[in-house]
Protein backbone atom coordinates (compact mmCIF):
# COMPACT_ATOMS: atom_id res chain seq x y z
CA UNK A 1 77.05 -18.93 -2.62
CA UNK A 2 79.61 -22.02 -3.60
CA UNK A 3 78.15 -25.59 -3.58
CA UNK A 4 79.98 -27.92 -1.34
CA UNK A 5 81.07 -29.85 -4.12
CA UNK A 6 82.51 -26.94 -5.72
CA UNK A 7 84.49 -25.99 -2.68
CA UNK A 8 85.76 -29.65 -2.52
CA UNK A 9 87.06 -29.35 -6.25
CA UNK A 10 89.11 -26.15 -5.37
CA UNK A 11 90.58 -27.05 -2.04
CA UNK A 12 93.39 -24.50 -2.99
CA UNK A 13 91.49 -21.45 -3.21
CA UNK A 14 89.86 -22.10 0.18
CA UNK A 15 93.07 -22.83 2.01
CA UNK A 16 94.67 -19.78 0.18
CA UNK A 17 92.29 -17.46 2.20
CA UNK A 18 92.92 -19.00 5.82
CA UNK A 19 95.46 -17.34 7.72
CA UNK A 20 96.91 -19.03 10.83
CA UNK A 21 99.44 -17.33 12.74
CA UNK A 22 101.48 -18.87 15.94
CA UNK A 23 100.68 -16.81 18.79
CA UNK A 24 103.79 -15.01 20.65
CA UNK A 25 104.74 -16.92 23.97
CA UNK A 26 103.40 -13.83 26.11
CA UNK A 27 100.35 -13.45 24.49
CA UNK A 28 99.56 -17.32 25.07
CA UNK A 29 100.46 -17.02 28.69
CA UNK A 30 98.02 -14.08 29.18
CA UNK A 31 95.24 -16.51 27.19
CA UNK A 32 96.10 -19.21 29.29
CA UNK A 33 95.43 -17.09 32.48
CA UNK A 34 92.25 -16.05 31.12
CA UNK A 35 90.87 -19.76 31.14
CA UNK A 36 88.34 -20.03 33.78
CA UNK A 37 89.09 -22.48 36.47
CA UNK A 38 87.99 -23.58 39.85
CA UNK A 39 89.67 -21.34 42.40
CA UNK A 40 91.91 -23.95 43.93
CA UNK A 41 93.14 -25.30 40.52
CA UNK A 42 94.37 -22.65 38.64
CA UNK A 43 96.57 -23.89 35.29
CA UNK A 44 99.96 -24.20 36.47
CA UNK A 45 102.42 -22.90 33.49
CA UNK A 46 105.34 -22.37 35.81
CA UNK A 47 107.27 -25.52 37.35
CA UNK A 48 107.00 -26.11 40.87
CA UNK A 49 110.45 -25.03 41.56
CA UNK A 50 109.96 -21.85 40.14
CA UNK A 51 106.99 -20.88 42.26
CA UNK A 52 108.61 -22.23 45.16
CA UNK A 53 111.73 -20.00 44.68
CA UNK A 54 109.48 -16.93 44.22
CA UNK A 55 107.65 -17.60 47.53
CA UNK A 56 110.85 -18.32 49.33
CA UNK A 57 112.25 -14.97 48.20
CA UNK A 58 109.40 -13.04 48.76
CA UNK A 59 109.37 -14.82 52.52
CA UNK A 60 113.23 -13.80 52.79
CA UNK A 61 112.63 -9.95 51.75
CA UNK A 62 109.44 -9.75 54.15
CA UNK A 63 107.58 -8.92 50.85
CA UNK A 64 105.05 -11.50 50.49
CA UNK A 65 102.57 -8.61 49.75
CA UNK A 66 104.71 -8.27 46.43
CA UNK A 67 103.27 -11.47 45.41
CA UNK A 68 100.47 -11.77 42.77
CA UNK A 69 97.23 -13.95 43.65
CA UNK A 70 98.20 -16.78 41.88
CA UNK A 71 101.87 -16.70 43.11
CA UNK A 72 100.77 -17.03 46.77
CA UNK A 73 97.89 -19.50 45.82
CA UNK A 74 100.39 -21.90 44.00
CA UNK A 75 102.85 -21.14 46.59
CA UNK A 76 100.57 -22.38 49.21
CA UNK A 77 99.89 -25.63 47.38
CA UNK A 78 103.44 -26.60 47.20
CA UNK A 79 104.61 -25.68 50.89
CA UNK A 80 105.91 -29.35 51.37
CA UNK A 81 105.98 -30.36 47.66
CA UNK A 82 109.22 -31.37 46.18
CA UNK A 83 111.49 -30.39 44.88
CA UNK A 84 112.34 -27.57 47.47
CA UNK A 85 109.38 -27.93 50.13
CA UNK A 86 109.43 -24.31 51.19
CA UNK A 87 107.46 -24.91 54.17
CA UNK A 88 110.15 -26.71 55.89
CA UNK A 89 112.34 -23.66 56.24
CA UNK A 90 112.01 -21.87 59.30
CA UNK A 91 109.38 -19.26 59.75
CA UNK A 92 107.90 -19.85 56.22
CA UNK A 93 104.63 -21.28 57.34
CA UNK A 94 104.10 -18.34 59.85
CA UNK A 95 104.75 -15.68 57.26
CA UNK A 96 102.73 -17.39 54.32
CA UNK A 97 99.81 -17.77 56.79
CA UNK A 98 99.98 -14.30 57.64
CA UNK A 99 100.06 -13.07 54.61
CA UNK A 100 96.77 -15.39 53.70
CA UNK A 101 95.01 -14.46 56.84
CA UNK A 102 95.57 -10.83 56.69
CA UNK A 103 94.46 -10.52 53.03
CA UNK A 104 91.49 -12.77 53.51
CA UNK A 105 92.58 -14.75 50.09
CA UNK A 106 89.79 -17.55 49.92
CA UNK A 107 91.55 -19.54 47.12
CA UNK A 108 95.03 -19.24 49.00
CA UNK A 109 93.42 -20.20 52.32
CA UNK A 110 92.01 -23.54 50.35
CA UNK A 111 95.39 -24.24 49.04
CA UNK A 112 96.78 -24.29 52.68
CA UNK A 113 94.12 -26.46 53.39
CA UNK A 114 94.96 -28.79 50.55
CA UNK A 115 98.64 -28.58 51.53
CA UNK A 116 97.98 -29.81 55.17
CA UNK A 117 95.85 -32.57 53.90
CA UNK A 118 98.30 -33.75 51.59
CA UNK A 119 101.58 -33.48 53.59
CA UNK A 120 100.09 -34.92 56.60
CA UNK A 121 102.43 -37.19 58.58
CA UNK A 122 102.16 -38.49 62.18
CA UNK A 123 104.67 -36.47 64.08
CA UNK A 124 105.29 -33.92 61.61
CA UNK A 125 106.19 -30.61 63.59
CA UNK A 126 105.60 -28.26 60.62
CA UNK A 127 102.40 -30.14 59.61
CA UNK A 128 100.90 -29.79 63.09
CA UNK A 129 102.10 -25.87 63.42
CA UNK A 130 99.98 -25.24 59.87
CA UNK A 131 97.17 -27.45 61.36
CA UNK A 132 96.74 -25.24 64.36
CA UNK A 133 96.93 -22.06 62.53
CA UNK A 134 94.30 -23.28 60.12
CA UNK A 135 92.15 -24.43 63.40
CA UNK A 136 92.31 -21.20 64.77
CA UNK A 137 91.74 -19.10 61.69
CA UNK A 138 88.73 -21.31 60.26
CA UNK A 139 86.77 -20.34 63.33
CA UNK A 140 86.85 -16.70 62.13
CA UNK A 141 86.96 -17.14 58.34
CA UNK A 142 84.27 -15.57 56.41
CA UNK A 143 83.02 -18.89 54.95
CA UNK A 144 80.51 -18.41 52.28
CA UNK A 145 76.93 -20.00 52.91
CA UNK A 146 77.35 -22.85 50.89
CA UNK A 147 81.11 -24.00 51.94
CA UNK A 148 81.49 -27.76 52.70
CA UNK A 149 84.37 -27.03 55.08
CA UNK A 150 83.23 -25.45 58.36
CA UNK A 151 81.13 -29.03 58.83
CA UNK A 152 84.17 -31.01 57.36
CA UNK A 153 86.77 -29.13 60.02
CA UNK A 154 84.08 -29.89 63.10
CA UNK A 155 83.15 -33.33 62.25
CA UNK A 156 86.13 -34.47 61.36
CA UNK A 157 88.36 -32.78 63.55
CA UNK A 158 90.63 -32.19 60.42
CA UNK A 159 93.23 -29.64 62.12
CA UNK A 160 93.64 -31.82 65.57
CA UNK A 161 96.33 -34.16 64.09
CA UNK A 162 95.80 -37.66 65.67
CA UNK A 163 92.13 -36.69 66.96
CA UNK A 164 91.63 -36.53 63.05
CA UNK A 165 93.10 -39.92 62.21
CA UNK A 166 91.16 -41.65 64.83
CA UNK A 167 87.91 -40.12 63.73
CA UNK A 168 88.45 -40.75 59.89
CA UNK A 169 89.33 -44.40 60.80
CA UNK A 170 86.39 -45.19 62.98
CA UNK A 171 84.14 -43.33 60.67
CA UNK A 172 85.19 -45.72 57.75
CA UNK A 173 85.39 -48.59 59.90
CA UNK A 174 81.88 -48.27 61.75
CA UNK A 175 79.78 -46.90 59.03
CA UNK A 176 77.67 -48.71 56.27
CA UNK A 177 78.94 -46.34 53.84
CA UNK A 178 82.12 -46.97 51.51
CA UNK A 179 85.32 -45.61 52.79
CA UNK A 180 85.33 -43.49 49.41
CA UNK A 181 82.13 -41.74 50.38
CA UNK A 182 83.34 -41.01 54.00
CA UNK A 183 86.73 -39.69 52.85
CA UNK A 184 84.99 -37.55 50.40
CA UNK A 185 82.84 -36.22 53.09
CA UNK A 186 85.94 -35.43 54.92
CA UNK A 187 87.26 -33.17 51.70
CA UNK A 188 89.55 -36.19 50.68
CA UNK A 189 87.83 -35.98 47.40
CA UNK A 190 90.54 -37.18 45.06
CA UNK A 191 92.07 -40.67 44.73
CA UNK A 192 95.82 -39.09 45.31
CA UNK A 193 94.65 -37.36 48.39
CA UNK A 194 93.00 -40.58 49.79
CA UNK A 195 96.12 -42.40 49.21
CA UNK A 196 98.53 -40.00 50.51
CA UNK A 197 99.15 -37.55 53.41
CA UNK A 198 96.02 -37.77 55.74
CA UNK A 199 94.55 -40.44 53.83
CA UNK A 200 97.48 -42.71 54.15
CA UNK A 201 97.82 -41.81 57.87
CA UNK A 202 94.07 -42.61 58.85
CA UNK A 203 94.40 -45.84 56.87
CA UNK A 204 97.70 -46.66 58.85
CA UNK A 205 95.70 -45.61 62.35
CA UNK A 206 92.65 -47.87 61.33
CA UNK A 207 95.21 -50.99 60.94
CA UNK A 208 96.67 -50.33 64.26
CA UNK A 209 92.82 -50.37 65.74
CA UNK A 210 92.12 -53.50 63.89
CA UNK A 211 95.46 -55.04 64.68
CA UNK A 212 94.18 -54.93 68.16
CA UNK A 213 90.63 -56.11 68.05
CA UNK A 214 89.43 -59.04 69.97
CA UNK A 215 88.09 -62.00 67.69
CA UNK A 216 84.57 -61.35 67.72
CA UNK A 217 85.50 -57.69 66.18
CA UNK A 218 88.52 -58.60 63.78
CA UNK A 219 86.20 -60.36 61.25
CA UNK A 220 83.91 -57.28 60.70
CA UNK A 221 86.77 -54.71 60.82
CA UNK A 222 88.88 -56.52 58.62
CA UNK A 223 86.18 -56.82 55.94
CA UNK A 224 85.79 -52.94 56.04
CA UNK A 225 89.59 -52.35 56.14
CA UNK A 226 89.99 -54.37 52.96
CA UNK A 227 87.19 -52.51 51.06
CA UNK A 228 88.88 -49.41 52.03
CA UNK A 229 92.37 -50.71 50.93
CA UNK A 230 91.01 -52.43 47.57
CA UNK A 231 87.57 -51.26 46.93
CA UNK A 232 84.54 -53.35 47.54
CA UNK A 233 84.85 -56.52 45.48
CA UNK A 234 88.40 -55.54 44.02
CA UNK A 235 90.88 -57.54 46.17
CA UNK A 236 93.53 -57.93 43.61
CA UNK A 237 93.58 -53.75 43.43
CA UNK A 238 95.36 -53.15 46.65
CA UNK A 239 96.06 -49.34 46.61
CA UNK A 240 97.74 -48.61 50.02
CA UNK A 241 101.57 -50.07 49.13
CA UNK A 242 103.07 -47.60 51.27
CA UNK A 243 100.95 -49.25 54.47
CA UNK A 244 101.52 -53.10 53.43
CA UNK A 245 103.17 -53.86 56.71
CA UNK A 246 100.70 -52.41 59.06
CA UNK A 247 97.60 -53.92 56.53
CA UNK A 248 99.15 -57.27 57.02
CA UNK A 249 99.62 -56.88 60.81
CA UNK A 250 95.60 -55.76 60.88
CA UNK A 251 94.89 -59.00 58.65
CA UNK A 252 96.60 -61.46 60.80
CA UNK A 253 97.69 -60.42 64.15
CA UNK A 254 94.06 -60.71 65.61
CA UNK A 255 94.32 -64.31 64.81
CA UNK A 256 97.86 -65.10 66.45
CA UNK A 257 96.59 -66.87 69.21
CA UNK A 258 93.51 -69.02 67.51
CA UNK A 259 92.50 -68.91 63.78
CA UNK A 260 89.01 -67.38 62.57
CA UNK A 261 86.42 -69.43 60.61
CA UNK A 262 87.69 -71.43 57.72
CA UNK A 263 85.80 -69.31 55.19
CA UNK A 264 87.43 -66.01 57.10
CA UNK A 265 90.82 -67.50 57.00
CA UNK A 266 90.71 -68.08 53.45
CA UNK A 267 89.67 -64.64 52.31
CA UNK A 268 92.02 -62.83 54.23
CA UNK A 269 94.78 -65.33 53.37
CA UNK A 270 93.63 -65.01 49.51
CA UNK A 271 93.80 -60.72 49.70
CA UNK A 272 97.18 -61.30 51.16
CA UNK A 273 98.43 -63.71 48.48
CA UNK A 274 96.81 -61.98 45.64
CA UNK A 275 98.88 -58.73 46.42
CA UNK A 276 102.27 -59.92 48.08
CA UNK A 277 102.39 -63.44 46.35
CA UNK A 278 103.13 -66.66 48.72
CA UNK A 279 104.81 -65.84 51.83
CA UNK A 280 106.62 -69.01 51.85
CA UNK A 281 108.92 -67.62 48.94
CA UNK A 282 109.51 -64.67 50.75
CA UNK A 283 109.15 -61.89 48.15
CA UNK A 284 110.23 -58.14 49.10
CA UNK A 285 107.01 -57.40 50.41
CA UNK A 286 106.76 -60.49 52.67
CA UNK A 287 110.27 -59.20 53.86
CA UNK A 288 108.88 -56.06 54.75
CA UNK A 289 106.38 -57.70 57.04
CA UNK A 290 109.15 -60.04 58.44
CA UNK A 291 110.99 -56.85 59.48
CA UNK A 292 107.76 -54.84 60.87
CA UNK A 293 105.26 -57.26 61.95
CA UNK A 294 106.82 -60.87 62.14
CA UNK A 295 104.48 -62.29 64.08
CA UNK A 296 101.65 -61.62 61.07
CA UNK A 297 104.06 -63.38 58.68
CA UNK A 298 104.50 -66.28 61.43
CA UNK A 299 100.70 -66.69 61.40
CA UNK A 300 99.72 -66.79 57.79
CA UNK A 301 102.75 -69.21 57.07
CA UNK A 302 101.40 -71.36 60.00
CA UNK A 303 98.12 -71.69 58.53
CA UNK A 304 99.82 -72.18 54.96
CA UNK A 305 101.60 -74.72 56.57
CA UNK A 306 99.32 -76.93 58.12
CA UNK A 307 96.89 -76.44 55.15
CA UNK A 308 99.72 -77.59 52.61
CA UNK A 309 100.38 -80.43 54.87
CA UNK A 310 96.74 -81.99 55.64
CA UNK A 311 96.14 -81.12 51.95
CA UNK A 312 98.68 -82.77 50.64
CA UNK A 313 97.64 -85.90 52.56
CA UNK A 314 94.35 -85.53 50.68
CA UNK A 315 95.76 -85.35 47.56
CA UNK A 316 97.87 -88.43 48.12
CA UNK A 317 95.14 -90.32 49.35
CA UNK A 318 93.84 -90.14 45.75
CA UNK A 319 97.07 -91.14 44.22
CA UNK A 320 98.58 -93.50 46.41
CA UNK A 321 97.49 -96.71 48.13
CA UNK A 322 96.16 -96.54 51.60
CA UNK A 323 98.35 -98.97 53.27
CA UNK A 324 101.71 -97.27 52.41
CA UNK A 325 100.12 -93.74 53.47
CA UNK A 326 97.93 -93.80 56.27
CA UNK A 327 100.83 -94.48 58.84
CA UNK A 328 102.93 -91.50 57.15
CA UNK A 329 100.08 -89.28 57.56
CA UNK A 330 99.26 -90.02 61.01
CA UNK A 331 103.20 -89.20 61.66
CA UNK A 332 103.63 -86.02 60.06
CA UNK A 333 100.19 -84.71 61.17
CA UNK A 334 101.63 -85.00 64.89
CA UNK A 335 104.52 -82.56 63.93
CA UNK A 336 102.13 -80.06 62.19
CA UNK A 337 99.50 -79.98 65.11
CA UNK A 338 102.64 -79.34 67.67
CA UNK A 339 103.45 -76.57 65.29
CA UNK A 340 107.01 -77.98 64.77
CA UNK A 341 106.85 -77.51 60.97
CA UNK A 342 108.49 -74.27 60.18
CA UNK A 343 107.71 -74.06 56.60
CA UNK A 344 106.08 -76.81 54.04
CA UNK A 345 105.79 -77.06 50.23
CA UNK A 346 103.93 -79.40 48.08
CA UNK A 347 105.71 -80.85 44.99
CA UNK A 348 103.09 -82.81 42.57
CA UNK A 349 103.16 -84.79 39.72
CA UNK A 350 100.70 -84.10 36.89
CA UNK A 351 97.90 -86.41 38.43
CA UNK A 352 98.28 -84.80 41.86
CA UNK A 353 98.38 -81.38 40.41
CA UNK A 354 95.01 -82.00 38.96
CA UNK A 355 93.66 -83.24 41.81
CA UNK A 356 94.89 -80.28 43.92
CA UNK A 357 93.47 -77.43 41.72
CA UNK A 358 90.18 -79.57 41.93
CA UNK A 359 90.19 -79.70 45.69
CA UNK A 360 90.79 -75.92 45.91
CA UNK A 361 88.16 -74.92 43.69
CA UNK A 362 85.65 -77.07 45.70
CA UNK A 363 87.21 -75.65 49.23
CA UNK A 364 88.08 -72.39 48.06
CA UNK A 365 91.22 -72.64 50.15
CA UNK A 366 94.17 -70.41 48.41
CA UNK A 367 96.68 -72.72 50.02
CA UNK A 368 96.08 -75.77 47.78
CA UNK A 369 96.72 -73.81 44.70
CA UNK A 370 100.29 -72.93 45.91
CA UNK A 371 102.39 -75.88 44.84
CA UNK A 372 105.48 -77.03 42.99
CA UNK A 373 105.34 -79.44 40.04
CA UNK A 374 107.16 -82.58 39.54
CA UNK A 375 109.06 -82.66 36.18
CA UNK A 376 109.49 -86.07 34.64
CA UNK A 377 112.26 -88.05 34.77
CA UNK A 378 114.54 -89.80 37.80
CA UNK A 379 112.27 -93.04 37.52
CA UNK A 380 109.05 -91.00 39.03
CA UNK A 381 105.51 -91.48 37.62
CA UNK A 382 102.87 -88.54 36.96
CA UNK A 383 100.88 -89.87 40.00
CA UNK A 384 104.10 -89.30 42.50
CA UNK A 385 104.23 -86.23 44.74
CA UNK A 386 106.96 -85.03 47.46
CA UNK A 387 106.12 -83.09 50.65
CA UNK A 388 108.98 -80.72 51.43
CA UNK A 389 108.85 -79.49 55.10
CA UNK A 390 111.56 -77.53 57.01
CA UNK A 391 111.77 -78.24 60.90
CA UNK A 392 114.53 -76.01 62.50
CA UNK A 393 117.76 -76.91 60.39
CA UNK A 394 116.53 -79.80 58.80
CA UNK A 395 114.76 -79.96 55.00
CA UNK A 396 112.97 -82.99 54.69
CA UNK A 397 111.52 -84.65 51.58
CA UNK A 398 108.60 -87.36 51.98
CA UNK A 399 107.67 -88.84 48.99
CA UNK A 400 104.68 -90.89 48.23
CA UNK A 401 104.36 -94.36 46.97
CA UNK A 402 107.76 -96.35 47.60
CA UNK A 403 109.82 -93.22 48.03
CA UNK A 404 111.85 -92.83 51.31
CA UNK A 405 111.99 -90.01 53.76
CA UNK A 406 115.28 -87.76 52.73
CA UNK A 407 116.74 -85.23 55.57
CA UNK A 408 119.12 -82.62 54.92
CA UNK A 409 121.27 -81.00 57.55
CA UNK A 410 121.43 -77.44 57.09
CA UNK A 411 125.31 -77.89 57.10
CA UNK A 412 125.20 -79.43 53.57
CA UNK A 413 125.97 -77.12 51.19
CA UNK A 414 123.33 -78.51 48.62
CA UNK A 415 119.81 -79.07 49.77
CA UNK A 416 116.40 -78.28 48.11
CA UNK A 417 114.77 -74.97 48.95
CA UNK A 418 111.11 -74.82 49.44
CA UNK A 419 108.94 -72.58 47.30
CA UNK A 420 110.14 -73.32 43.86
CA UNK A 421 107.81 -73.77 40.96
CA UNK A 422 108.96 -76.87 39.70
CA UNK A 423 111.72 -79.37 40.66
CA UNK A 424 113.52 -82.23 38.96
CA UNK A 425 112.90 -85.54 41.19
CA UNK A 426 116.88 -86.22 41.60
CA UNK A 427 116.84 -82.68 43.55
CA UNK A 428 114.44 -84.01 46.02
CA UNK A 429 116.54 -87.21 46.84
CA UNK A 430 119.95 -88.44 48.12
CA UNK A 431 121.70 -90.81 45.65
CA UNK A 432 122.04 -94.09 47.74
CA UNK A 433 125.74 -94.04 47.62
CA UNK A 434 125.91 -90.60 49.70
CA UNK A 435 123.30 -91.53 52.23
CA UNK A 436 125.35 -91.36 55.53
CA UNK A 437 122.76 -91.21 58.13
CA UNK A 438 124.24 -88.00 59.64
CA UNK A 439 124.01 -85.37 57.10
CA UNK A 440 122.22 -86.93 54.26
CA UNK A 441 119.73 -89.09 55.55
CA UNK A 442 117.34 -91.54 53.56
CA UNK A 443 115.04 -93.82 55.52
CA UNK A 444 112.84 -96.44 53.68
CA UNK A 445 109.38 -96.48 55.07
CA UNK A 446 109.61 -100.35 56.85
CA UNK A 447 107.49 -101.90 59.45
CA UNK A 448 105.30 -98.96 60.14
CA UNK A 449 103.07 -100.88 61.94
CA UNK A 450 105.63 -101.52 64.62
CA UNK A 451 106.80 -97.83 64.33
CA UNK A 452 110.32 -98.86 62.95
CA UNK A 453 110.81 -96.14 60.47
CA UNK A 454 108.92 -93.34 62.44
CA UNK A 455 111.51 -93.88 65.25
CA UNK A 456 114.29 -93.60 63.01
CA UNK A 457 113.01 -90.20 61.54
CA UNK A 458 111.95 -88.88 64.94
CA UNK A 459 115.41 -89.64 66.51
CA UNK A 460 117.18 -87.80 63.65
CA UNK A 461 114.56 -84.62 64.54
CA UNK A 462 115.02 -84.60 68.04
CA UNK A 463 118.86 -84.69 67.52
CA UNK A 464 119.08 -81.77 65.49
CA UNK A 465 116.15 -79.45 66.71
CA UNK A 466 115.17 -81.03 70.32
CA UNK A 467 111.43 -81.45 69.05
CA UNK A 468 109.50 -84.53 69.30
CA UNK A 469 106.14 -85.67 69.64
CA UNK A 470 104.38 -88.84 71.62
CA UNK A 471 104.59 -92.00 69.57
CA UNK A 472 100.78 -92.66 70.48
CA UNK A 473 100.15 -89.76 68.11
CA UNK A 474 101.97 -91.91 65.43
CA UNK A 475 99.50 -94.56 65.27
CA UNK A 476 96.30 -93.78 62.74
């Protein structure tokens, strides 16, 4: 016997004895088919469209019995799949189901169940037709003793359309088990199945249920819904993208009349911002919410506006002189509390930005992490700050320290836009020569104790929007 060393010293002799040939395609195909697999997940070596074409032709020729077991099984799996979705053609579902039922093909029957779960959509007539057939047949099907499906079908009413959605949604929302565990019990065992078809539809149903919950229930249900959508303690991994507007509705519509506790408000606000960004920047995701759940968008923006303005005061309190700011705080707070401010955005110099982040860390409020940065220049110092607000057709820039209150009417072609990450100071002020007291307004904060500047600003707001607040609320 040769030693390992001698083999390594004469590799050519060893390699010469090895003969490796490439198997013919037909033999490779046959070999692949012999690989043991689960009955419902055979290796797919044909394209989906090839299988769908063979299935459709067999139906058209009324010769489904000629299909191989494999083609029947794989065809059942792809009834509602692109590119051809043969289940959408007239008579296909009935014909295929009759062939499976009469031949008692277990793997094909399970494939039909999977097609139903994956393709499920509310109001889909073809899916409902398949569900009715499966429901009737499941009561007389020769199940094996260890089969989980009879219990799943009964416990979750799987083939009864909206009843199944309600049962799944309630089971997840009211159980102490995780959403993943509940869905696995119902047969939605893969992540792709939980994110589509019946999994997605039941999540949407749960969103509608939470959306209509009272304040007492909503707090608990929303946390369960967030765990379902994101996974426990993984808020940034929102997976139900197709149901984002419904999810936003479930988070904010229960609080449209009155907000929850501050901790819960911060929690659900952060969940939404982690996925869709700040709603004041109106990303495409928030536009979807605006189109379908506008009151949900108004609710979170109202929270952010109030938090931004009040916490802007807190930041400015630490960098500006109290005598300069206390009257401005009282005046603008009256407009915020009256919900006259449609939108607000903080713009902070470097000192204010550091202070804002410190306060945000202490409070846990995500609103204070959202602000624009004030670039250097324009005669502004690093402790200066500006509060941008939109009230009706007016854009307002209220400066700290000795800055004026600048107002732009929407008719002005160039006015600052809220939500940008940074601004040059000149963008947030009118040149003195352009102030005209009509469309470009710049009011210095003179004689605050006698409400002189406040009345001027209030008059401009009232003339443009019809909105006003009582003078007694302007006094700190």
